[in-house]
Amino acid sequence: MDYTKCNSASDFENKFRSLLPKLEVAEKEETWQQLDTAIKNMTSLVKAGANERTTLFVPMVRRAADQINKVVASERTRLNGSGLALIEEMARRLETRFGPICELVFPTATQIVRARKQGLCDAWDELSSAQ
C-alpha cells in the first residue's frame, strides 16, 4: 500500500485502518520495527494531506492515541523518535485543529522530551566533573 498518497476520504480510512492492527502489537525485540514502520506510514499519510481529505482524521487519530502514546513512550530511541515525528507533523498540518489530539499525546511527548533533556544535563555534568 502506498502511504505517500491520500486521494480521498475513503482512501485515508482504508489505509489508516490497515495500520491499526500493526500498532496494537506489544513492543518486543521481534515487533518494534513493525511498530516503527506503521508509525512512519501514518506520518506519510499526514504528509500526503490526509487531514485535508476528511473530517474523520481527528476522530481516527484519537482512536489510535493509546497506540501512538505507547510508541512515543518507548525506550527505543528510533521508535519514540518516529512517534515524536508523527506528532510534530500532525501539529504542523492541523495547526489550530490539533487541540483535540494535543490533549491526548502532548503529556507523553513532554515526558519523553523532559527525560531526554535530563539525560543530556546529567551527561554534561559528568563530563564537566571528569575534567
N, C-alpha and C. Protein backbone atom coordinates (compact mmCIF):
# COMPACT_ATOMS: atom_id res chain seq x y z
N MET A 1 0.84 -1.17 0.00
CA MET A 1 0.00 0.00 0.00
C MET A 1 0.89 1.24 0.00
N ASP A 2 0.53 2.22 -0.80
CA ASP A 2 1.32 3.45 -0.90
C ASP A 2 0.77 4.50 0.06
N TYR A 3 1.48 4.72 1.14
CA TYR A 3 1.03 5.66 2.16
C TYR A 3 1.45 7.09 1.86
N THR A 4 2.21 7.29 0.77
CA THR A 4 2.63 8.65 0.41
C THR A 4 1.57 9.37 -0.40
N LYS A 5 0.47 8.69 -0.68
CA LYS A 5 -0.64 9.30 -1.42
C LYS A 5 -1.93 9.08 -0.65
N CYS A 6 -2.74 10.12 -0.63
CA CYS A 6 -4.06 10.03 0.00
C CYS A 6 -5.02 10.80 -0.90
N ASN A 7 -5.76 10.06 -1.70
CA ASN A 7 -6.57 10.69 -2.74
C ASN A 7 -8.00 11.02 -2.35
N SER A 8 -8.48 10.44 -1.26
CA SER A 8 -9.87 10.68 -0.86
C SER A 8 -10.05 10.28 0.60
N ALA A 9 -11.23 10.60 1.11
CA ALA A 9 -11.55 10.22 2.49
C ALA A 9 -11.56 8.71 2.64
N SER A 10 -12.11 8.01 1.67
CA SER A 10 -12.15 6.55 1.77
C SER A 10 -10.75 5.94 1.65
N ASP A 11 -9.90 6.54 0.84
CA ASP A 11 -8.52 6.09 0.71
C ASP A 11 -7.81 6.23 2.07
N PHE A 12 -7.98 7.40 2.71
CA PHE A 12 -7.40 7.60 4.03
C PHE A 12 -7.93 6.57 5.02
N GLU A 13 -9.24 6.40 5.04
CA GLU A 13 -9.85 5.48 6.00
C GLU A 13 -9.32 4.06 5.83
N ASN A 14 -9.24 3.59 4.59
CA ASN A 14 -8.73 2.24 4.33
C ASN A 14 -7.27 2.09 4.76
N LYS A 15 -6.46 3.07 4.44
CA LYS A 15 -5.04 3.00 4.77
C LYS A 15 -4.83 3.10 6.28
N PHE A 16 -5.55 4.01 6.92
CA PHE A 16 -5.41 4.18 8.36
C PHE A 16 -5.85 2.93 9.10
N ARG A 17 -6.99 2.38 8.69
CA ARG A 17 -7.49 1.16 9.34
C ARG A 17 -6.51 -0.01 9.16
N SER A 18 -5.81 -0.05 8.05
CA SER A 18 -4.85 -1.14 7.83
C SER A 18 -3.65 -1.03 8.78
N LEU A 19 -3.38 0.18 9.28
CA LEU A 19 -2.25 0.38 10.19
C LEU A 19 -2.59 0.04 11.64
N LEU A 20 -3.84 0.15 12.02
CA LEU A 20 -4.22 -0.05 13.42
C LEU A 20 -3.80 -1.40 13.99
N PRO A 21 -4.05 -2.52 13.30
CA PRO A 21 -3.61 -3.80 13.88
C PRO A 21 -2.09 -3.88 14.05
N LYS A 22 -1.35 -3.21 13.19
CA LYS A 22 0.11 -3.23 13.29
C LYS A 22 0.60 -2.45 14.51
N LEU A 23 -0.22 -1.50 14.96
CA LEU A 23 0.15 -0.71 16.14
C LEU A 23 -0.29 -1.35 17.44
N GLU A 24 -1.12 -2.35 17.36
CA GLU A 24 -1.67 -2.97 18.56
C GLU A 24 -0.81 -4.10 19.12
N VAL A 25 0.28 -4.43 18.45
CA VAL A 25 1.15 -5.49 18.96
C VAL A 25 1.97 -4.97 20.13
N ALA A 26 2.33 -5.86 21.01
CA ALA A 26 3.20 -5.48 22.14
C ALA A 26 4.61 -5.25 21.61
N GLU A 27 5.27 -4.25 22.16
CA GLU A 27 6.64 -3.96 21.72
C GLU A 27 7.60 -5.00 22.29
N LYS A 28 8.27 -5.67 21.38
CA LYS A 28 9.30 -6.66 21.73
C LYS A 28 10.42 -6.51 20.73
N GLU A 29 11.46 -7.25 20.94
CA GLU A 29 12.59 -7.24 20.00
C GLU A 29 12.12 -7.60 18.59
N GLU A 30 11.16 -8.53 18.51
CA GLU A 30 10.70 -9.02 17.21
C GLU A 30 9.66 -8.10 16.55
N THR A 31 9.07 -7.16 17.30
CA THR A 31 7.96 -6.38 16.75
C THR A 31 8.20 -4.87 16.68
N TRP A 32 9.24 -4.37 17.30
CA TRP A 32 9.39 -2.93 17.36
C TRP A 32 9.56 -2.30 15.98
N GLN A 33 10.18 -3.02 15.05
CA GLN A 33 10.34 -2.47 13.70
C GLN A 33 9.00 -2.39 12.98
N GLN A 34 8.10 -3.32 13.26
CA GLN A 34 6.75 -3.26 12.69
C GLN A 34 6.03 -2.01 13.21
N LEU A 35 6.18 -1.73 14.50
CA LEU A 35 5.58 -0.52 15.08
C LEU A 35 6.18 0.74 14.44
N ASP A 36 7.49 0.74 14.27
CA ASP A 36 8.17 1.88 13.68
C ASP A 36 7.69 2.12 12.24
N THR A 37 7.57 1.06 11.47
CA THR A 37 7.10 1.18 10.09
C THR A 37 5.67 1.70 10.05
N ALA A 38 4.81 1.19 10.92
CA ALA A 38 3.41 1.64 10.95
C ALA A 38 3.32 3.12 11.29
N ILE A 39 4.10 3.57 12.26
CA ILE A 39 4.09 4.99 12.64
C ILE A 39 4.63 5.85 11.50
N LYS A 40 5.68 5.38 10.84
CA LYS A 40 6.23 6.13 9.71
C LYS A 40 5.23 6.19 8.56
N ASN A 41 4.49 5.11 8.33
CA ASN A 41 3.45 5.12 7.30
C ASN A 41 2.33 6.09 7.67
N MET A 42 2.00 6.17 8.95
CA MET A 42 0.99 7.11 9.40
C MET A 42 1.48 8.55 9.15
N THR A 43 2.77 8.79 9.42
CA THR A 43 3.35 10.10 9.17
C THR A 43 3.30 10.43 7.68
N SER A 44 3.56 9.44 6.84
CA SER A 44 3.47 9.65 5.38
C SER A 44 2.06 10.03 4.97
N LEU A 45 1.06 9.39 5.57
CA LEU A 45 -0.34 9.75 5.28
C LEU A 45 -0.62 11.20 5.64
N VAL A 46 -0.10 11.63 6.78
CA VAL A 46 -0.31 13.02 7.20
C VAL A 46 0.37 13.96 6.21
N LYS A 47 1.60 13.64 5.83
CA LYS A 47 2.32 14.47 4.85
C LYS A 47 1.62 14.50 3.50
N ALA A 48 0.90 13.42 3.17
CA ALA A 48 0.18 13.35 1.90
C ALA A 48 -1.11 14.16 1.94
N GLY A 49 -1.41 14.78 3.07
CA GLY A 49 -2.59 15.63 3.16
C GLY A 49 -3.84 14.93 3.65
N ALA A 50 -3.68 13.84 4.38
CA ALA A 50 -4.84 13.08 4.86
C ALA A 50 -5.77 13.96 5.67
N ASN A 51 -5.21 14.87 6.46
CA ASN A 51 -6.04 15.73 7.29
C ASN A 51 -6.91 16.68 6.47
N GLU A 52 -6.55 16.92 5.23
CA GLU A 52 -7.31 17.82 4.36
C GLU A 52 -8.41 17.08 3.60
N ARG A 53 -8.34 15.77 3.57
CA ARG A 53 -9.26 14.97 2.76
C ARG A 53 -10.52 14.54 3.49
N THR A 54 -10.48 14.60 4.82
CA THR A 54 -11.59 14.02 5.55
C THR A 54 -11.79 14.65 6.91
N THR A 55 -13.02 14.66 7.36
CA THR A 55 -13.32 15.11 8.72
C THR A 55 -13.11 13.96 9.70
N LEU A 56 -12.83 12.77 9.18
CA LEU A 56 -12.60 11.61 10.04
C LEU A 56 -11.19 11.58 10.62
N PHE A 57 -10.32 12.46 10.14
CA PHE A 57 -8.92 12.39 10.55
C PHE A 57 -8.75 12.49 12.06
N VAL A 58 -9.28 13.53 12.67
CA VAL A 58 -9.10 13.72 14.12
C VAL A 58 -9.74 12.57 14.90
N PRO A 59 -10.99 12.18 14.61
CA PRO A 59 -11.56 11.06 15.37
C PRO A 59 -10.77 9.75 15.22
N MET A 60 -10.23 9.49 14.05
CA MET A 60 -9.48 8.25 13.86
C MET A 60 -8.13 8.31 14.59
N VAL A 61 -7.50 9.46 14.59
CA VAL A 61 -6.24 9.60 15.32
C VAL A 61 -6.52 9.49 16.82
N ARG A 62 -7.63 10.06 17.27
CA ARG A 62 -7.99 9.93 18.69
C ARG A 62 -8.14 8.46 19.06
N ARG A 63 -8.71 7.69 18.14
CA ARG A 63 -8.90 6.25 18.37
C ARG A 63 -7.56 5.53 18.52
N ALA A 64 -6.54 6.02 17.84
CA ALA A 64 -5.22 5.39 17.88
C ALA A 64 -4.28 6.04 18.90
N ALA A 65 -4.79 6.97 19.70
CA ALA A 65 -3.93 7.74 20.61
C ALA A 65 -3.17 6.85 21.59
N ASP A 66 -3.80 5.82 22.11
CA ASP A 66 -3.10 4.94 23.06
C ASP A 66 -1.91 4.26 22.40
N GLN A 67 -2.10 3.81 21.16
CA GLN A 67 -1.01 3.15 20.44
C GLN A 67 0.10 4.15 20.10
N ILE A 68 -0.29 5.36 19.72
CA ILE A 68 0.70 6.39 19.40
C ILE A 68 1.50 6.73 20.67
N ASN A 69 0.80 6.89 21.78
CA ASN A 69 1.49 7.18 23.05
C ASN A 69 2.44 6.05 23.45
N LYS A 70 2.03 4.82 23.19
CA LYS A 70 2.88 3.67 23.51
C LYS A 70 4.19 3.76 22.73
N VAL A 71 4.11 4.16 21.47
CA VAL A 71 5.30 4.29 20.64
C VAL A 71 6.16 5.47 21.13
N VAL A 72 5.52 6.59 21.42
CA VAL A 72 6.25 7.77 21.89
C VAL A 72 6.96 7.48 23.21
N ALA A 73 6.34 6.68 24.08
CA ALA A 73 6.92 6.37 25.39
C ALA A 73 7.95 5.25 25.35
N SER A 74 8.19 4.68 24.19
CA SER A 74 9.15 3.59 24.07
C SER A 74 10.55 4.03 24.49
N GLU A 75 11.29 3.12 25.06
CA GLU A 75 12.68 3.41 25.42
C GLU A 75 13.61 3.28 24.21
N ARG A 76 13.09 2.78 23.12
CA ARG A 76 13.89 2.68 21.89
C ARG A 76 13.91 4.05 21.22
N THR A 77 15.07 4.63 21.10
CA THR A 77 15.21 5.99 20.57
C THR A 77 14.63 6.11 19.17
N ARG A 78 14.92 5.15 18.32
CA ARG A 78 14.42 5.23 16.95
C ARG A 78 12.90 5.18 16.92
N LEU A 79 12.32 4.33 17.74
CA LEU A 79 10.87 4.17 17.75
C LEU A 79 10.19 5.41 18.33
N ASN A 80 10.66 5.90 19.48
CA ASN A 80 9.99 7.08 20.02
C ASN A 80 10.27 8.32 19.18
N GLY A 81 11.40 8.33 18.48
CA GLY A 81 11.67 9.43 17.55
C GLY A 81 10.67 9.46 16.41
N SER A 82 10.30 8.29 15.92
CA SER A 82 9.28 8.21 14.86
C SER A 82 7.93 8.68 15.38
N GLY A 83 7.62 8.32 16.63
CA GLY A 83 6.37 8.76 17.24
C GLY A 83 6.32 10.27 17.41
N LEU A 84 7.44 10.84 17.88
CA LEU A 84 7.50 12.29 18.03
C LEU A 84 7.43 13.00 16.67
N ALA A 85 8.01 12.39 15.64
CA ALA A 85 7.93 12.97 14.29
C ALA A 85 6.48 12.98 13.79
N LEU A 86 5.73 11.94 14.12
CA LEU A 86 4.31 11.90 13.75
C LEU A 86 3.55 13.04 14.43
N ILE A 87 3.78 13.21 15.73
CA ILE A 87 3.10 14.29 16.46
C ILE A 87 3.47 15.65 15.89
N GLU A 88 4.75 15.84 15.60
CA GLU A 88 5.21 17.10 15.02
C GLU A 88 4.53 17.37 13.68
N GLU A 89 4.45 16.35 12.84
CA GLU A 89 3.83 16.53 11.51
C GLU A 89 2.33 16.81 11.64
N MET A 90 1.66 16.12 12.58
CA MET A 90 0.23 16.39 12.78
C MET A 90 0.03 17.83 13.26
N ALA A 91 0.86 18.28 14.19
CA ALA A 91 0.74 19.65 14.70
C ALA A 91 0.95 20.65 13.57
N ARG A 92 1.94 20.40 12.74
CA ARG A 92 2.25 21.31 11.63
C ARG A 92 1.09 21.36 10.64
N ARG A 93 0.53 20.22 10.31
CA ARG A 93 -0.52 20.16 9.29
C ARG A 93 -1.89 20.60 9.81
N LEU A 94 -2.19 20.23 11.06
CA LEU A 94 -3.52 20.53 11.60
C LEU A 94 -3.64 21.95 12.14
N GLU A 95 -2.52 22.53 12.52
CA GLU A 95 -2.47 23.87 13.10
C GLU A 95 -3.48 23.99 14.24
N THR A 96 -4.49 24.85 14.10
CA THR A 96 -5.44 25.08 15.19
C THR A 96 -6.35 23.89 15.46
N ARG A 97 -6.46 22.98 14.53
CA ARG A 97 -7.30 21.78 14.73
C ARG A 97 -6.56 20.69 15.49
N PHE A 98 -5.33 20.95 15.91
CA PHE A 98 -4.54 19.96 16.64
C PHE A 98 -4.98 19.82 18.09
N GLY A 99 -5.73 20.78 18.61
CA GLY A 99 -6.16 20.80 20.00
C GLY A 99 -6.72 19.49 20.52
N PRO A 100 -7.71 18.88 19.85
CA PRO A 100 -8.29 17.63 20.37
C PRO A 100 -7.29 16.47 20.42
N ILE A 101 -6.29 16.50 19.57
CA ILE A 101 -5.26 15.45 19.57
C ILE A 101 -4.18 15.80 20.59
N CYS A 102 -3.87 17.07 20.69
CA CYS A 102 -2.81 17.54 21.59
C CYS A 102 -3.05 17.07 23.01
N GLU A 103 -4.26 17.18 23.48
CA GLU A 103 -4.55 16.79 24.87
C GLU A 103 -4.31 15.30 25.11
N LEU A 104 -4.32 14.50 24.06
CA LEU A 104 -4.10 13.06 24.20
C LEU A 104 -2.64 12.67 24.11
N VAL A 105 -1.87 13.35 23.28
CA VAL A 105 -0.49 12.92 23.04
C VAL A 105 0.57 13.84 23.64
N PHE A 106 0.22 15.07 23.93
CA PHE A 106 1.22 16.02 24.40
C PHE A 106 1.82 15.65 25.75
N PRO A 107 1.04 15.18 26.73
CA PRO A 107 1.67 14.81 28.01
C PRO A 107 2.77 13.74 27.87
N THR A 108 2.54 12.74 27.03
CA THR A 108 3.55 11.70 26.82
C THR A 108 4.76 12.27 26.11
N ALA A 109 4.53 13.09 25.10
CA ALA A 109 5.64 13.69 24.36
C ALA A 109 6.47 14.59 25.27
N THR A 110 5.81 15.36 26.11
CA THR A 110 6.52 16.24 27.05
C THR A 110 7.38 15.43 28.01
N GLN A 111 6.83 14.33 28.49
CA GLN A 111 7.55 13.46 29.42
C GLN A 111 8.84 12.92 28.78
N ILE A 112 8.76 12.50 27.52
CA ILE A 112 9.93 11.97 26.81
C ILE A 112 10.97 13.06 26.60
N VAL A 113 10.54 14.23 26.16
CA VAL A 113 11.47 15.33 25.92
C VAL A 113 12.14 15.74 27.23
N ARG A 114 11.39 15.79 28.31
CA ARG A 114 11.95 16.15 29.62
C ARG A 114 13.00 15.11 30.04
N ALA A 115 12.71 13.84 29.82
CA ALA A 115 13.66 12.78 30.20
C ALA A 115 14.94 12.90 29.37
N ARG A 116 14.80 13.19 28.07
CA ARG A 116 15.99 13.36 27.22
C ARG A 116 16.82 14.54 27.69
N LYS A 117 16.13 15.65 28.02
CA LYS A 117 16.83 16.84 28.49
C LYS A 117 17.59 16.52 29.78
N GLN A 118 16.96 15.83 30.70
CA GLN A 118 17.61 15.48 31.96
C GLN A 118 18.82 14.58 31.71
N GLY A 119 18.68 13.63 30.79
CA GLY A 119 19.80 12.76 30.45
C GLY A 119 20.97 13.54 29.88
N LEU A 120 20.69 14.51 29.04
CA LEU A 120 21.75 15.35 28.48
C LEU A 120 22.43 16.18 29.57
N CYS A 121 21.63 16.73 30.46
CA CYS A 121 22.19 17.54 31.56
C CYS A 121 23.07 16.68 32.45
N ASP A 122 22.60 15.48 32.76
CA ASP A 122 23.39 14.57 33.59
C ASP A 122 24.71 14.21 32.91
N ALA A 123 24.65 13.94 31.63
CA ALA A 123 25.88 13.61 30.88
C ALA A 123 26.84 14.78 30.86
N TRP A 124 26.30 15.99 30.68
CA TRP A 124 27.13 17.19 30.68
C TRP A 124 27.82 17.37 32.03
N ASP A 125 27.05 17.17 33.11
CA ASP A 125 27.62 17.28 34.46
C ASP A 125 28.75 16.27 34.66
N GLU A 126 28.55 15.05 34.19
CA GLU A 126 29.58 14.02 34.31
C GLU A 126 30.83 14.41 33.56
N LEU A 127 30.66 14.91 32.34
CA LEU A 127 31.81 15.31 31.55
C LEU A 127 32.54 16.49 32.21
N SER A 128 31.77 17.42 32.72
CA SER A 128 32.38 18.60 33.38
C SER A 128 33.16 18.22 34.62
N SER A 129 32.61 17.29 35.41
CA SER A 129 33.29 16.89 36.64
C SER A 129 34.51 16.01 36.37
N ALA A 130 34.57 15.37 35.22
CA ALA A 130 35.69 14.50 34.88
C ALA A 130 36.92 15.30 34.49
N GLN A 131 36.74 16.54 34.15
CA GLN A 131 37.87 17.36 33.70
C GLN A 131 38.65 17.95 34.82
